[in-house]
Protein backbone atom coordinates (compact mmCIF):
# COMPACT_ATOMS: atom_id res chain seq x y z
CA UNK A 1 4.36 24.03 22.73
CA UNK A 2 2.27 23.47 25.69
CA UNK A 3 1.02 20.44 27.02
CA UNK A 4 3.72 18.46 25.16
CA UNK A 5 2.91 14.56 25.95
CA UNK A 6 -0.39 15.42 27.10
CA UNK A 7 -3.11 13.53 25.12
CA UNK A 8 -6.39 14.95 26.30
CA UNK A 9 -8.84 17.20 24.58
CA UNK A 10 -7.96 20.24 27.01
CA UNK A 11 -4.19 19.45 25.95
CA UNK A 12 -5.31 19.73 22.27
CA UNK A 13 -7.00 22.95 22.51
CA UNK A 14 -4.23 24.61 24.55
CA UNK A 15 -1.91 23.68 21.84
CA UNK A 16 -4.31 24.95 19.26
CA UNK A 17 -4.71 28.31 20.95
CA UNK A 18 -0.91 28.42 21.03
CA UNK A 19 -0.57 27.94 17.59
CA UNK A 20 -2.89 30.53 16.67
CA UNK A 21 -1.11 33.09 18.60
CA UNK A 22 2.58 32.30 17.14
CA UNK A 23 0.99 31.91 13.45
CA UNK A 24 -1.39 34.34 13.73
CA UNK A 25 -3.88 32.39 11.84
CA UNK A 26 -7.18 31.73 12.74
CA UNK A 27 -7.25 28.10 12.04
CA UNK A 28 -11.07 27.52 12.68
CA UNK A 29 -11.47 24.41 10.84
CA UNK A 30 -9.56 22.81 13.60
CA UNK A 31 -11.34 23.70 16.45
CA UNK A 32 -13.63 20.64 16.54
CA UNK A 33 -12.71 17.11 15.95
CA UNK A 34 -14.32 13.89 16.25
CA UNK A 35 -11.46 12.01 17.42
CA UNK A 36 -10.67 11.21 21.16
CA UNK A 37 -7.25 12.60 21.96
CA UNK A 38 -6.60 10.27 24.79
CA UNK A 39 -6.86 7.12 22.03
CA UNK A 40 -4.18 8.73 19.67
CA UNK A 41 -1.16 7.73 21.87
CA UNK A 42 0.42 5.64 19.31
CA UNK A 43 -0.62 7.66 16.36
CA UNK A 44 0.53 11.19 16.36
CA UNK A 45 2.44 13.90 18.59
CA UNK A 46 1.52 17.66 19.27
CA UNK A 47 -2.23 17.06 18.26
CA UNK A 48 -3.84 20.08 17.25
CA UNK A 49 -6.81 18.77 15.30
CA UNK A 50 -7.45 16.48 12.15
CA UNK A 51 -7.86 16.92 8.34
CA UNK A 52 -11.04 15.65 6.50
CA UNK A 53 -10.52 14.04 3.20
CA UNK A 54 -13.58 13.23 0.94
CA UNK A 55 -14.43 9.29 0.91
CA UNK A 56 -16.32 8.08 -2.34
CA UNK A 57 -17.32 4.61 -2.86
CA UNK A 58 -16.19 2.69 -6.11
CA UNK A 59 -17.56 -0.45 -7.47
CA UNK A 60 -19.09 -3.10 -7.09
CA UNK A 61 -16.29 -5.27 -8.16
CA UNK A 62 -17.12 -9.08 -8.60
CA UNK A 63 -14.17 -10.98 -6.86
CA UNK A 64 -13.41 -14.52 -7.45
CA UNK A 65 -10.19 -14.58 -5.14
CA UNK A 66 -8.58 -17.09 -2.68
CA UNK A 67 -9.62 -14.45 0.20
CA UNK A 68 -12.45 -12.66 -1.10
CA UNK A 69 -15.51 -13.84 -3.34
CA UNK A 70 -18.67 -11.82 -4.21
CA UNK A 71 -19.18 -8.23 -5.20
CA UNK A 72 -17.34 -5.55 -2.93
CA UNK A 73 -17.52 -1.82 -2.59
CA UNK A 74 -14.00 0.00 -2.08
CA UNK A 75 -13.86 3.25 0.08
CA UNK A 76 -11.38 5.67 -1.47
CA UNK A 77 -10.10 8.85 0.34
CA UNK A 78 -9.09 11.32 -2.48
CA UNK A 79 -9.25 14.81 -3.67
CA UNK A 80 -8.79 13.85 -7.35
CA UNK A 81 -11.96 14.30 -9.38
CA UNK A 82 -12.71 11.26 -11.87
CA UNK A 83 -10.74 8.73 -9.82
CA UNK A 84 -13.78 7.09 -8.14
CA UNK A 85 -15.56 7.29 -11.50
CA UNK A 86 -12.86 5.81 -13.53
CA UNK A 87 -12.24 2.85 -11.14
CA UNK A 88 -16.05 2.11 -11.01
CA UNK A 89 -15.91 1.96 -14.74
CA UNK A 90 -13.40 -0.40 -14.68
CA UNK A 91 -14.81 -2.42 -12.00
CA UNK A 92 -18.13 -2.80 -14.07
CA UNK A 93 -16.08 -4.23 -17.19
CA UNK A 94 -14.21 -6.84 -14.75
CA UNK A 95 -17.67 -7.70 -13.17
CA UNK A 96 -19.56 -7.96 -16.67
CA UNK A 97 -16.72 -10.08 -17.86
CA UNK A 98 -16.96 -12.52 -14.99
CA UNK A 99 -15.08 -11.18 -11.96
CA UNK A 100 -11.47 -10.76 -11.04
CA UNK A 101 -9.29 -13.82 -9.63
CA UNK A 102 -7.13 -12.64 -6.81
CA UNK A 103 -4.45 -14.54 -4.93
CA UNK A 104 -2.07 -13.44 -2.23
CA UNK A 105 1.18 -14.94 -3.20
CA UNK A 106 3.23 -14.45 -0.08
CA UNK A 107 3.68 -12.14 3.11
CA UNK A 108 7.16 -10.88 4.41
CA UNK A 109 8.14 -7.62 6.54
CA UNK A 110 11.91 -6.81 6.26
CA UNK A 111 14.23 -4.79 8.68
CA UNK A 112 17.87 -4.76 7.77
CA UNK A 113 20.57 -3.39 10.65
CA UNK A 114 24.04 -2.57 9.50
CA UNK A 115 27.08 -3.66 11.44
CA UNK A 116 30.21 -1.76 10.87
CA UNK A 117 33.65 -3.45 11.24
CA UNK A 118 37.21 -2.24 11.24
CA UNK A 119 38.22 -4.34 8.51
CA UNK A 120 36.43 -6.47 5.80
CA UNK A 121 37.93 -9.87 7.43
CA UNK A 122 35.92 -9.12 10.85
CA UNK A 123 32.71 -8.42 8.36
CA UNK A 124 33.37 -11.62 6.34
CA UNK A 125 33.74 -13.78 9.54
CA UNK A 126 30.44 -12.27 11.37
CA UNK A 127 28.40 -12.82 7.96
CA UNK A 128 29.52 -16.43 7.98
CA UNK A 129 29.03 -16.97 11.68
CA UNK A 130 25.80 -15.29 12.23
CA UNK A 131 23.96 -17.68 9.73
CA UNK A 132 24.56 -20.44 12.23
CA UNK A 133 22.39 -18.79 14.96
CA UNK A 134 18.94 -18.64 13.15
CA UNK A 135 17.44 -20.64 15.90
CA UNK A 136 18.77 -18.37 18.87
CA UNK A 137 17.56 -15.27 17.08
CA UNK A 138 14.21 -16.78 16.75
CA UNK A 139 13.83 -17.54 20.17
CA UNK A 140 14.94 -13.86 20.65
CA UNK A 141 12.23 -12.74 18.65
CA UNK A 142 9.50 -14.76 20.41
CA UNK A 143 10.32 -13.17 23.67
CA UNK A 144 9.23 -9.75 21.78
CA UNK A 145 6.01 -10.95 19.82
CA UNK A 146 3.84 -13.60 19.47
CA UNK A 147 2.90 -12.54 16.12
CA UNK A 148 6.03 -12.04 14.27
CA UNK A 149 7.72 -15.03 12.96
CA UNK A 150 11.41 -14.99 11.78
CA UNK A 151 11.67 -16.74 8.30
CA UNK A 152 15.46 -15.95 7.56
CA UNK A 153 18.40 -13.70 7.84
CA UNK A 154 20.52 -12.82 4.90
CA UNK A 155 23.89 -11.15 5.27
CA UNK A 156 24.93 -8.62 2.73
CA UNK A 157 28.51 -7.74 2.90
CA UNK A 158 29.36 -4.02 1.43
CA UNK A 159 33.16 -3.43 2.20
CA UNK A 160 33.75 -3.93 5.94
CA UNK A 161 29.91 -3.49 6.83
CA UNK A 162 27.47 -6.10 7.11
CA UNK A 163 23.66 -5.48 6.38
CA UNK A 164 21.78 -8.16 7.96
CA UNK A 165 18.43 -8.43 6.25
CA UNK A 166 15.70 -10.05 8.47
CA UNK A 167 12.62 -11.21 6.93
CA UNK A 168 9.59 -12.09 9.07
CA UNK A 169 5.72 -12.74 8.54
CA UNK A 170 3.30 -10.46 10.53
CA UNK A 171 -0.22 -11.70 10.65
CA UNK A 172 -2.52 -9.14 9.98
CA UNK A 173 -0.41 -6.33 11.12
CA UNK A 174 1.96 -4.48 8.08
CA UNK A 175 4.70 -4.96 11.03
CA UNK A 176 7.15 -2.27 10.48
CA UNK A 177 7.25 -1.25 14.25
CA UNK A 178 6.63 -5.06 15.22
CA UNK A 179 9.74 -6.07 13.10
CA UNK A 180 11.64 -3.13 14.51
CA UNK A 181 11.27 -4.14 17.90
CA UNK A 182 11.98 -7.77 17.28
CA UNK A 183 15.04 -6.81 15.28
CA UNK A 184 16.38 -4.63 17.85
CA UNK A 185 16.14 -7.28 20.74
CA UNK A 186 17.56 -9.81 18.34
CA UNK A 187 20.34 -7.71 17.78
CA UNK A 188 21.11 -7.11 21.47
CA UNK A 189 21.46 -10.75 21.70
CA UNK A 190 23.95 -10.74 18.97
CA UNK A 191 25.95 -7.78 20.38
CA UNK A 192 26.30 -9.87 23.41
CA UNK A 193 27.83 -12.82 21.71
CA UNK A 194 31.73 -11.92 21.76
CA UNK A 195 32.67 -14.85 19.30
CA UNK A 196 30.47 -13.33 16.40
CA UNK A 197 31.26 -9.28 17.71
CA UNK A 198 34.68 -8.98 19.00
CA UNK A 199 35.19 -5.59 20.71
CA UNK A 200 38.33 -4.95 18.75
CA UNK A 201 36.45 -5.50 15.53
CA UNK A 202 33.00 -3.98 15.79
CA UNK A 203 32.97 -0.30 15.31
CA UNK A 204 29.37 0.71 15.31
CA UNK A 205 25.74 -0.92 14.99
CA UNK A 206 22.44 0.97 13.48
CA UNK A 207 19.05 -0.59 13.69
CA UNK A 208 18.30 0.06 9.89
CA UNK A 209 21.13 0.31 7.16
CA UNK A 210 18.42 1.39 4.50
CA UNK A 211 18.45 -2.08 2.72
CA UNK A 212 14.90 -3.00 3.95
CA UNK A 213 13.43 -0.67 1.27
CA UNK A 214 11.30 0.71 3.92
CA UNK A 215 9.09 3.36 2.69
CA UNK A 216 11.02 3.46 -0.41
CA UNK A 217 10.20 1.64 -4.08
CA UNK A 218 13.32 -0.68 -4.85
CA UNK A 219 14.19 -3.29 -7.42
CA UNK A 220 14.81 -5.56 -4.50
CA UNK A 221 11.31 -5.30 -3.17
CA UNK A 222 9.58 -5.81 -6.88
CA UNK A 223 11.86 -8.92 -7.19
CA UNK A 224 11.29 -10.38 -3.54
CA UNK A 225 8.47 -8.61 -2.13
CA UNK A 226 8.23 -6.53 1.04
CA UNK A 227 4.75 -6.49 2.51
CA UNK A 228 1.75 -8.57 0.81
CA UNK A 229 2.59 -9.94 -2.80
CA UNK A 230 -0.88 -10.17 -4.77
CA UNK A 231 -1.99 -10.47 -7.82
CA UNK A 232 -5.39 -10.16 -9.67
CA UNK A 233 -6.58 -11.22 -13.56
CA UNK A 234 -9.49 -11.23 -15.59
CA UNK A 235 -10.56 -12.19 -18.99
CA UNK A 236 -12.33 -9.36 -21.22
CA UNK A 237 -14.63 -10.11 -23.93
CA UNK A 238 -14.39 -7.99 -26.92
CA UNK A 239 -18.12 -6.96 -26.28
CA UNK A 240 -17.45 -5.59 -22.78
CA UNK A 241 -14.33 -3.81 -24.23
CA UNK A 242 -16.24 -1.99 -26.73
CA UNK A 243 -19.35 -1.29 -24.57
CA UNK A 244 -18.09 -0.48 -21.16
CA UNK A 245 -14.28 0.81 -21.91
CA UNK A 246 -15.48 2.43 -25.36
CA UNK A 247 -12.60 1.01 -27.34
CA UNK A 248 -11.50 -2.14 -28.96
CA UNK A 249 -9.24 -5.08 -28.10
CA UNK A 250 -6.33 -4.06 -30.60
CA UNK A 251 -6.45 -0.47 -29.18
CA UNK A 252 -6.58 -1.18 -25.86
CA UNK A 253 -3.23 -3.66 -26.08
CA UNK A 254 -1.52 -1.18 -28.38
CA UNK A 255 -2.10 1.61 -25.84
CA UNK A 256 -0.60 -0.82 -23.11
CA UNK A 257 2.49 -1.20 -25.09
CA UNK A 258 3.27 2.29 -25.70
CA UNK A 259 2.93 2.75 -21.90
CA UNK A 260 5.18 -0.14 -21.41
CA UNK A 261 7.89 1.06 -23.60
CA UNK A 262 7.58 4.63 -22.12
CA UNK A 263 8.09 2.95 -18.49
CA UNK A 264 11.12 0.89 -19.65
CA UNK A 265 12.45 4.08 -21.19
CA UNK A 266 12.02 6.10 -18.01
CA UNK A 267 13.42 3.48 -15.80
CA UNK A 268 10.29 3.22 -13.79
CA UNK A 269 9.65 0.42 -11.37
CA UNK A 270 7.27 -2.08 -12.67
CA UNK A 271 4.84 -0.79 -15.48
CA UNK A 272 1.27 0.36 -14.82
CA UNK A 273 -0.81 3.49 -15.74
CA UNK A 274 -1.71 4.69 -11.98
CA UNK A 275 -1.70 1.96 -9.40
CA UNK A 276 -0.61 4.52 -6.67
CA UNK A 277 -3.95 6.13 -6.81
CA UNK A 278 -5.80 3.14 -5.84
CA UNK A 279 -3.43 2.31 -3.13
CA UNK A 280 -3.41 5.69 -1.55
CA UNK A 281 -7.02 6.42 -1.73
CA UNK A 282 -7.69 2.96 -0.01
CA UNK A 283 -4.80 3.22 2.24
CA UNK A 284 -5.94 6.81 3.40
CA UNK A 285 -9.45 5.36 3.97
CA UNK A 286 -8.57 2.37 6.20
CA UNK A 287 -5.62 3.89 8.25
CA UNK A 288 -2.75 2.77 6.65
CA UNK A 289 0.72 4.26 6.93
CA UNK A 290 0.43 6.79 4.18
CA UNK A 291 4.32 6.70 3.58
CA UNK A 292 4.23 3.24 2.41
CA UNK A 293 2.25 4.36 -0.86
CA UNK A 294 5.88 5.05 -2.11
CA UNK A 295 6.82 1.43 -2.19
CA UNK A 296 3.15 -0.13 -2.16
CA UNK A 297 2.28 1.57 -5.55
CA UNK A 298 4.48 -0.22 -7.54
CA UNK A 299 2.78 -2.56 -9.77
CA UNK A 300 3.15 -4.74 -12.83
CA UNK A 301 0.16 -4.35 -15.27
CA UNK A 302 -0.18 -6.74 -18.37
CA UNK A 303 -2.36 -6.93 -21.34
CA UNK A 304 -2.22 -9.36 -24.02
CA UNK A 305 -4.73 -10.05 -26.99
CA UNK A 306 -6.56 -13.34 -26.99
CA UNK A 307 -9.09 -14.58 -29.78
CA UNK A 308 -12.06 -13.77 -27.56
CA UNK A 309 -10.72 -10.16 -26.17
CA UNK A 310 -8.19 -9.13 -23.70
CA UNK A 311 -6.38 -10.74 -21.00
CA UNK A 312 -5.36 -8.48 -17.88
CA UNK A 313 -3.52 -8.88 -15.00
CA UNK A 314 -1.92 -6.60 -12.20
CA UNK A 315 0.59 -7.76 -9.73
CA UNK A 316 1.33 -5.96 -6.37
CA UNK A 317 4.69 -7.27 -5.24
CA UNK A 318 4.90 -5.28 -1.94
CA UNK A 319 1.55 -4.00 -0.31
CA UNK A 320 2.77 -2.93 2.91
CA UNK A 321 -0.42 -2.83 4.94
CA UNK A 322 -2.52 -4.13 7.84
CA UNK A 323 -5.88 -4.44 9.26
CA UNK A 324 -4.62 -4.18 12.86
CA UNK A 325 -2.32 -1.39 14.17
CA UNK A 326 -1.51 1.93 13.01
CA UNK A 327 -4.51 4.14 12.44
CA UNK A 328 -7.13 1.04 11.52
CA UNK A 329 -8.52 1.41 15.18
CA UNK A 330 -9.85 4.95 14.26
CA UNK A 331 -13.76 5.12 14.09
CA UNK A 332 -14.18 6.01 10.42
CA UNK A 333 -11.25 3.86 9.36
CA UNK A 334 -12.43 0.96 11.35
CA UNK A 335 -15.81 1.04 10.02
CA UNK A 336 -14.63 1.26 6.42
CA UNK A 337 -12.52 -1.96 7.00
CA UNK A 338 -16.03 -3.56 8.39
CA UNK A 339 -17.58 -2.63 5.38
CA UNK A 340 -15.23 -4.54 3.17
CA UNK A 341 -15.15 -7.40 5.65
CA UNK A 342 -11.59 -6.71 6.65
CA UNK A 343 -11.37 -7.04 10.10
CA UNK A 344 -10.43 -10.48 12.12
CA UNK A 345 -7.90 -13.03 11.39
CA UNK A 346 -6.80 -13.30 7.83
CA UNK A 347 -8.37 -10.03 6.95
CA UNK A 348 -4.94 -8.49 5.68
CA UNK A 349 -4.85 -10.93 2.94
CA UNK A 350 -8.78 -9.88 2.01
CA UNK A 351 -7.71 -6.26 2.02
CA UNK A 352 -4.57 -6.72 -0.31
CA UNK A 353 -6.56 -8.59 -2.94
CA UNK A 354 -9.35 -6.01 -2.91
CA UNK A 355 -6.87 -3.40 -3.59
CA UNK A 356 -5.08 -5.63 -6.19
CA UNK A 357 -8.54 -6.04 -7.91
CA UNK A 358 -9.40 -2.15 -8.17
CA UNK A 359 -5.78 -1.50 -9.03
CA UNK A 360 -6.43 -3.86 -12.23
CA UNK A 361 -9.94 -2.08 -12.79
CA UNK A 362 -8.58 1.16 -12.68
CA UNK A 363 -5.87 0.89 -14.94
CA UNK A 364 -8.18 -0.82 -17.56
CA UNK A 365 -10.27 2.25 -17.20
CA UNK A 366 -7.46 4.72 -17.48
CA UNK A 367 -5.55 3.08 -20.44
CA UNK A 368 -8.97 2.65 -22.21
CA UNK A 369 -9.78 6.58 -21.76
CA UNK A 370 -6.25 7.53 -23.14
CA UNK A 371 -6.53 5.33 -26.24
CA UNK A 372 -10.13 6.50 -26.94
CA UNK A 373 -9.43 10.07 -26.35
CA UNK A 374 -11.66 10.36 -23.37
CA UNK A 375 -8.80 10.81 -20.74
CA UNK A 376 -8.88 14.53 -20.72
CA UNK A 377 -12.60 15.21 -21.36
CA UNK A 378 -13.49 12.88 -18.36
CA UNK A 379 -10.96 15.04 -16.03
CA UNK A 380 -12.52 18.28 -17.44
CA UNK A 381 -15.89 17.08 -16.44
CA UNK A 382 -14.86 15.46 -13.33
CA UNK A 383 -11.59 16.69 -12.12
CA UNK A 384 -11.89 20.97 -12.23
CA UNK A 385 -13.09 22.91 -9.30
CA UNK A 386 -16.17 24.46 -10.78
CA UNK A 387 -19.82 24.16 -10.35
CA UNK A 388 -21.26 21.20 -12.23
CA UNK A 389 -23.54 21.38 -15.26
CA UNK A 390 -26.82 19.48 -15.22
CA UNK A 391 -25.30 16.83 -17.46
CA UNK A 392 -22.59 16.66 -15.22
CA UNK A 393 -24.80 15.26 -12.30
CA UNK A 394 -24.02 11.81 -13.18
CA UNK A 395 -20.53 10.32 -13.74
CA UNK A 396 -21.68 9.20 -17.12
CA UNK A 397 -20.65 5.60 -16.15
CA UNK A 398 -23.23 3.29 -17.96
CA UNK A 399 -25.12 0.74 -15.88
CA UNK A 400 -25.51 -2.56 -16.41
CA UNK A 401 -29.19 -2.28 -17.33
CA UNK A 402 -28.24 0.59 -19.83
CA UNK A 403 -25.46 -2.00 -21.44
CA UNK A 404 -27.83 -4.58 -21.75
CA UNK A 405 -30.61 -2.47 -23.29
CA UNK A 406 -28.25 -1.25 -25.61
C-alpha cells in the first residue's frame, strides 16, 4: 500500500487509486470526503475514504435526571427503518407520563494484565504482596495521566497465573486507551520490584489477560459495571399506555414477562427487547468506539403493574462511552454531541443518562408493538427498501395535539 503512515489528502488519494487498481473496483463513492486526513492520526490507518450513515432524530424525550433536565432530541445513525419512529413513540409516551428520571450510579474502567509464574506458590505470594503497594501504583498512574484515578486493584489467581484487575475513573473519556497506558506503566513499576516478581518465578507478563471484559459482554461487567452504570425509570398512567402505546397495562406487563422468561431460558445477559439498537445508533452518531456496543448493549428492563398503570425502568450496567477522545472530535459527531449539550466537564454522565432514557423509551415501544400485533406491520411500512406510499409519508406516531383531541 502506498503512502503508508502519511495523513494527507494526497496520500489518501494515492491509496485509493492503488486500491482501485488491485481490486479492479471503481469505488467512486470514496473519491470525496469532508473529513480532513491530517486530523485522523489517532482514529484510523490506511485511510481511503469514509462511509456515510443516515442520521435521524428521535424525540423529544422529557428528562428529570441528575445530569440532564428538560426535553432532549437524540441523533441516531442507523440504516434500520422503524428504529427512530419507534424510539420517538416511546419518548412521547414517557414525556406525556411526566418524563424519565435518570441517574448515573457509578463510573469505572478496567484493565487486567496477567502475570504467569512457574508455580502456584509464586502466584499466591505475588497476589498477597501486590495489594500492599496500591499507593505506589497510584503514583505511577499519576505520572502518565492527570485524568485517570486508580480506584483499586484486585488479584484473581487462576492456577499459577495472577490476573490483576485495575479499576479507574476516567473523567469524561471512555478511557480504554488511557487505562491501557496507565496500567502498562504501573506494571513496569511492578516488574522492577524483585520482592514482588523474582526472576526465577515470573515466566511472562501480558498487558491484558481477558478478565477486564473489554469489548465483550460478561456477567462480571453486569454485576460490577465497566464504564458508566446508569438507570432510568418512569410511571406510565393507563391512559398513556392505551392512547400512545396502543395496548393495555396488563398486556404490556404480560408481554414483558414472556420476553424475560425467554431471556432466562436462552442464557441472555440481562433482559430487554433491543437496547443495542439505541446504543449502536447513538454511539455511531457521536463518535464512540462501535465495538463497545457488545458490552454496552446489555440492559435490564423491568415492568411492574401498578394501580395507576405501569412502572418501567432500564438499567445499563456498563456504557463504555466518552465525550472526549476517540471519534468525538470529528465534525459531525462533535456537532451532534453539542446538540445534546454533551460537551464540557461532566458531559459523559449526561450522555449516559440520555442513552438510558431513550433505551427505556424504545423498549416500551417495541414490547408494546409486539403484544399489540403492530411489530411486523410497522417494519413492513418503515423497514423495507421500497418506494413509500402516500400514507407512509408520516411515521404514524400520534402527536400530543392529536392525542389530546382524541
